[in-house]
Amino acid sequence: MAKRSRKKKVASLWGYLLLAAVVCFWFTPSIGPGAIAILSGFVVLYCLFQAPMWCCAETRNDTPCRNNAHGILLGCHLRQHKWQKLAMAVKQQYWSKLTKRVFSSVGGQAATFSAFAAMLSATVATTTLIVK
């Protein structure tokens, strides 16, 4: 099996690189809050729908699925898992189960913390844009 090239690895992690750029832009006075808010929105979308992580949907024998998935809200290649994770995010009684399963992997933790940081950044940038 061939190894993935360095470009493909970087391409699959573009949202985390964009988050690092957003953090740097906060300390650059020439970049306005509008651009920071838009870039932060892209980071949130990346974390929700494209960040590499485990599926963690419930399998038939009540264990979390360990297939590769994309984003916090999407499951693996199995159609039922995609709908199951999305339903877990919508229904309030399943939030604790989804949180526990997302935090069970490093990829899920990174995506969750990045999404929260980007949402905070977008909120502060939007507030700054409105107040000015």
C-alpha atoms as a PDB file:
ATOM      1  CA  MET A   1       0.000   0.000   0.000  1.00  0.00           C
ATOM      2  CA  ALA A   2       1.444   3.350  -1.014  1.00  0.00           C
ATOM      3  CA  LYS A   3       1.974   6.051   1.565  1.00  0.00           C
ATOM      4  CA  ARG A   4       0.057   9.275   1.246  1.00  0.00           C
ATOM      5  CA  SER A   5       2.106  12.145  -0.019  1.00  0.00           C
ATOM      6  CA  ARG A   6       2.869  15.120   2.164  1.00  0.00           C
ATOM      7  CA  LYS A   7       0.642  17.354  -0.012  1.00  0.00           C
ATOM      8  CA  LYS A   8      -2.388  15.116   0.542  1.00  0.00           C
ATOM      9  CA  LYS A   9      -1.836  15.098   4.307  1.00  0.00           C
ATOM     10  CA  VAL A  10      -1.622  18.887   4.372  1.00  0.00           C
ATOM     11  CA  ALA A  11      -4.647  19.162   2.082  1.00  0.00           C
ATOM     12  CA  SER A  12      -6.781  17.080   4.447  1.00  0.00           C
ATOM     13  CA  LEU A  13      -5.821  19.327   7.379  1.00  0.00           C
ATOM     14  CA  TRP A  14      -6.364  22.710   5.719  1.00  0.00           C
ATOM     15  CA  GLY A  15      -8.846  23.845   8.375  1.00  0.00           C
ATOM     16  CA  TYR A  16      -6.310  23.584  11.166  1.00  0.00           C
ATOM     17  CA  LEU A  17      -3.813  25.597   9.115  1.00  0.00           C
ATOM     18  CA  LEU A  18      -6.529  28.185   8.509  1.00  0.00           C
ATOM     19  CA  LEU A  19      -7.217  28.318  12.258  1.00  0.00           C
ATOM     20  CA  ALA A  20      -3.523  29.046  12.881  1.00  0.00           C
ATOM     21  CA  ALA A  21      -3.741  31.812  10.270  1.00  0.00           C
ATOM     22  CA  VAL A  22      -6.824  33.268  11.984  1.00  0.00           C
ATOM     23  CA  VAL A  23      -4.954  33.378  15.300  1.00  0.00           C
ATOM     24  CA  CYS A  24      -2.072  35.204  13.585  1.00  0.00           C
ATOM     25  CA  PHE A  25      -4.495  37.610  11.886  1.00  0.00           C
ATOM     26  CA  TRP A  26      -5.844  38.707  15.270  1.00  0.00           C
ATOM     27  CA  PHE A  27      -2.402  40.205  15.974  1.00  0.00           C
ATOM     28  CA  THR A  28      -2.084  41.835  12.535  1.00  0.00           C
ATOM     29  CA  PRO A  29      -3.730  45.263  12.526  1.00  0.00           C
ATOM     30  CA  SER A  30      -3.960  45.436   8.723  1.00  0.00           C
ATOM     31  CA  ILE A  31      -6.424  42.505   8.590  1.00  0.00           C
ATOM     32  CA  GLY A  32      -9.954  43.647   9.362  1.00  0.00           C
ATOM     33  CA  PRO A  33     -12.523  41.876  11.544  1.00  0.00           C
ATOM     34  CA  GLY A  34     -14.694  41.068   8.522  1.00  0.00           C
ATOM     35  CA  ALA A  35     -12.001  38.882   6.973  1.00  0.00           C
ATOM     36  CA  ILE A  36     -11.347  37.206  10.317  1.00  0.00           C
ATOM     37  CA  ALA A  37     -15.065  36.458  10.755  1.00  0.00           C
ATOM     38  CA  ILE A  38     -15.295  34.887   7.283  1.00  0.00           C
ATOM     39  CA  LEU A  39     -12.167  32.780   7.761  1.00  0.00           C
ATOM     40  CA  SER A  40     -13.402  31.677  11.179  1.00  0.00           C
ATOM     41  CA  GLY A  41     -16.665  30.577   9.566  1.00  0.00           C
ATOM     42  CA  PHE A  42     -14.709  28.420   7.123  1.00  0.00           C
ATOM     43  CA  VAL A  43     -12.876  26.799  10.045  1.00  0.00           C
ATOM     44  CA  VAL A  44     -16.188  25.981  11.742  1.00  0.00           C
ATOM     45  CA  LEU A  45     -17.549  24.417   8.540  1.00  0.00           C
ATOM     46  CA  TYR A  46     -14.341  22.402   8.151  1.00  0.00           C
ATOM     47  CA  CYS A  47     -14.598  21.054  11.703  1.00  0.00           C
ATOM     48  CA  LEU A  48     -18.270  20.151  11.362  1.00  0.00           C
ATOM     49  CA  PHE A  49     -18.133  18.495   7.937  1.00  0.00           C
ATOM     50  CA  GLN A  50     -14.572  17.688   6.821  1.00  0.00           C
ATOM     51  CA  ALA A  51     -12.112  17.200   9.706  1.00  0.00           C
ATOM     52  CA  PRO A  52     -10.678  13.659   9.771  1.00  0.00           C
ATOM     53  CA  MET A  53     -11.828  11.617  12.764  1.00  0.00           C
ATOM     54  CA  TRP A  54     -13.442   8.323  13.730  1.00  0.00           C
ATOM     55  CA  CYS A  55     -17.112   7.719  12.994  1.00  0.00           C
ATOM     56  CA  CYS A  56     -18.116   6.722  16.563  1.00  0.00           C
ATOM     57  CA  ALA A  57     -21.696   5.869  15.565  1.00  0.00           C
ATOM     58  CA  GLU A  58     -23.274   2.992  17.470  1.00  0.00           C
ATOM     59  CA  THR A  59     -22.817  -0.412  15.844  1.00  0.00           C
ATOM     60  CA  ARG A  60     -25.108  -3.434  16.206  1.00  0.00           C
ATOM     61  CA  ASN A  61     -23.166  -4.763  19.192  1.00  0.00           C
ATOM     62  CA  ASP A  62     -23.292  -1.380  21.036  1.00  0.00           C
ATOM     63  CA  THR A  63     -19.688  -0.383  20.373  1.00  0.00           C
ATOM     64  CA  PRO A  64     -18.558   2.801  18.628  1.00  0.00           C
ATOM     65  CA  CYS A  65     -17.698   2.463  14.932  1.00  0.00           C
ATOM     66  CA  ARG A  66     -13.980   2.903  14.226  1.00  0.00           C
ATOM     67  CA  ASN A  67     -14.227   3.678  10.513  1.00  0.00           C
ATOM     68  CA  ASN A  68     -12.778   6.942   9.265  1.00  0.00           C
ATOM     69  CA  ALA A  69     -15.285   9.762   8.987  1.00  0.00           C
ATOM     70  CA  HIS A  70     -15.339  13.413   7.989  1.00  0.00           C
ATOM     71  CA  GLY A  71     -16.293  16.031  10.525  1.00  0.00           C
ATOM     72  CA  ILE A  72     -18.125  16.054  13.824  1.00  0.00           C
ATOM     73  CA  LEU A  73     -21.584  15.728  12.267  1.00  0.00           C
ATOM     74  CA  LEU A  74     -20.966  13.181   9.504  1.00  0.00           C
ATOM     75  CA  GLY A  75     -20.466   9.466   9.932  1.00  0.00           C
ATOM     76  CA  CYS A  76     -18.420   7.005   7.904  1.00  0.00           C
ATOM     77  CA  HIS A  77     -19.203   5.519   4.493  1.00  0.00           C
ATOM     78  CA  LEU A  78     -22.195   3.615   5.890  1.00  0.00           C
ATOM     79  CA  ARG A  79     -25.403   5.542   5.157  1.00  0.00           C
ATOM     80  CA  GLN A  80     -27.040   4.621   8.459  1.00  0.00           C
ATOM     81  CA  HIS A  81     -24.057   5.936  10.412  1.00  0.00           C
ATOM     82  CA  LYS A  82     -24.237   9.302   8.632  1.00  0.00           C
ATOM     83  CA  TRP A  83     -27.866   9.730   9.642  1.00  0.00           C
ATOM     84  CA  GLN A  84     -27.263   8.373  13.137  1.00  0.00           C
ATOM     85  CA  LYS A  85     -24.565  10.933  13.978  1.00  0.00           C
ATOM     86  CA  LEU A  86     -26.627  13.769  12.541  1.00  0.00           C
ATOM     87  CA  ALA A  87     -29.656  12.616  14.559  1.00  0.00           C
ATOM     88  CA  MET A  88     -27.503  12.430  17.685  1.00  0.00           C
ATOM     89  CA  ALA A  89     -26.553  16.069  17.156  1.00  0.00           C
ATOM     90  CA  VAL A  90     -30.178  17.178  16.697  1.00  0.00           C
ATOM     91  CA  LYS A  91     -31.921  15.210  19.464  1.00  0.00           C
ATOM     92  CA  GLN A  92     -31.178  16.598  22.901  1.00  0.00           C
ATOM     93  CA  GLN A  93     -31.319  13.249  24.727  1.00  0.00           C
ATOM     94  CA  TYR A  94     -28.335  11.996  22.674  1.00  0.00           C
ATOM     95  CA  TRP A  95     -26.011  14.996  23.168  1.00  0.00           C
ATOM     96  CA  SER A  96     -24.125  13.418  26.054  1.00  0.00           C
ATOM     97  CA  LYS A  97     -23.584  10.195  24.078  1.00  0.00           C
ATOM     98  CA  LEU A  98     -22.338  12.144  21.049  1.00  0.00           C
ATOM     99  CA  THR A  99     -20.035  14.259  23.209  1.00  0.00           C
ATOM    100  CA  LYS A 100     -18.568  11.194  24.888  1.00  0.00           C
ATOM    101  CA  ARG A 101     -17.947   9.473  21.559  1.00  0.00           C
ATOM    102  CA  VAL A 102     -16.503  12.519  19.808  1.00  0.00           C
ATOM    103  CA  PHE A 103     -14.075  13.111  22.676  1.00  0.00           C
ATOM    104  CA  SER A 104     -12.932   9.466  22.562  1.00  0.00           C
ATOM    105  CA  SER A 105     -10.416  10.213  19.787  1.00  0.00           C
ATOM    106  CA  VAL A 106      -7.717  12.817  19.316  1.00  0.00           C
ATOM    107  CA  GLY A 107      -9.192  13.841  15.969  1.00  0.00           C
ATOM    108  CA  GLY A 108     -12.560  14.485  17.573  1.00  0.00           C
ATOM    109  CA  GLN A 109     -11.024  16.509  20.370  1.00  0.00           C
ATOM    110  CA  ALA A 110      -9.019  18.612  17.927  1.00  0.00           C
ATOM    111  CA  ALA A 111     -12.059  19.230  15.723  1.00  0.00           C
ATOM    112  CA  THR A 112     -14.270  20.153  18.682  1.00  0.00           C
ATOM    113  CA  PHE A 113     -11.814  22.562  20.293  1.00  0.00           C
ATOM    114  CA  SER A 114     -11.017  24.108  16.905  1.00  0.00           C
ATOM    115  CA  ALA A 115     -14.723  24.591  16.188  1.00  0.00           C
ATOM    116  CA  PHE A 116     -15.264  26.294  19.558  1.00  0.00           C
ATOM    117  CA  ALA A 117     -12.232  28.536  19.059  1.00  0.00           C
ATOM    118  CA  ALA A 118     -13.372  29.483  15.565  1.00  0.00           C
ATOM    119  CA  MET A 119     -16.932  30.206  16.766  1.00  0.00           C
ATOM    120  CA  LEU A 120     -15.547  32.438  19.522  1.00  0.00           C
ATOM    121  CA  SER A 121     -13.294  34.170  16.993  1.00  0.00           C
ATOM    122  CA  ALA A 122     -16.175  34.715  14.575  1.00  0.00           C
ATOM    123  CA  THR A 123     -18.391  36.077  17.354  1.00  0.00           C
ATOM    124  CA  VAL A 124     -15.764  38.522  18.591  1.00  0.00           C
ATOM    125  CA  ALA A 125     -14.893  39.631  15.036  1.00  0.00           C
ATOM    126  CA  THR A 126     -18.568  40.177  14.174  1.00  0.00           C
ATOM    127  CA  THR A 127     -19.128  42.127  17.399  1.00  0.00           C
ATOM    128  CA  THR A 128     -16.059  44.242  16.663  1.00  0.00           C
ATOM    129  CA  LEU A 129     -17.325  44.881  13.144  1.00  0.00           C
ATOM    130  CA  ILE A 130     -20.759  45.949  14.415  1.00  0.00           C
ATOM    131  CA  VAL A 131     -19.437  48.205  17.201  1.00  0.00           C
ATOM    132  CA  LYS A 132     -16.989  50.089  14.955  1.00  0.00           C
END
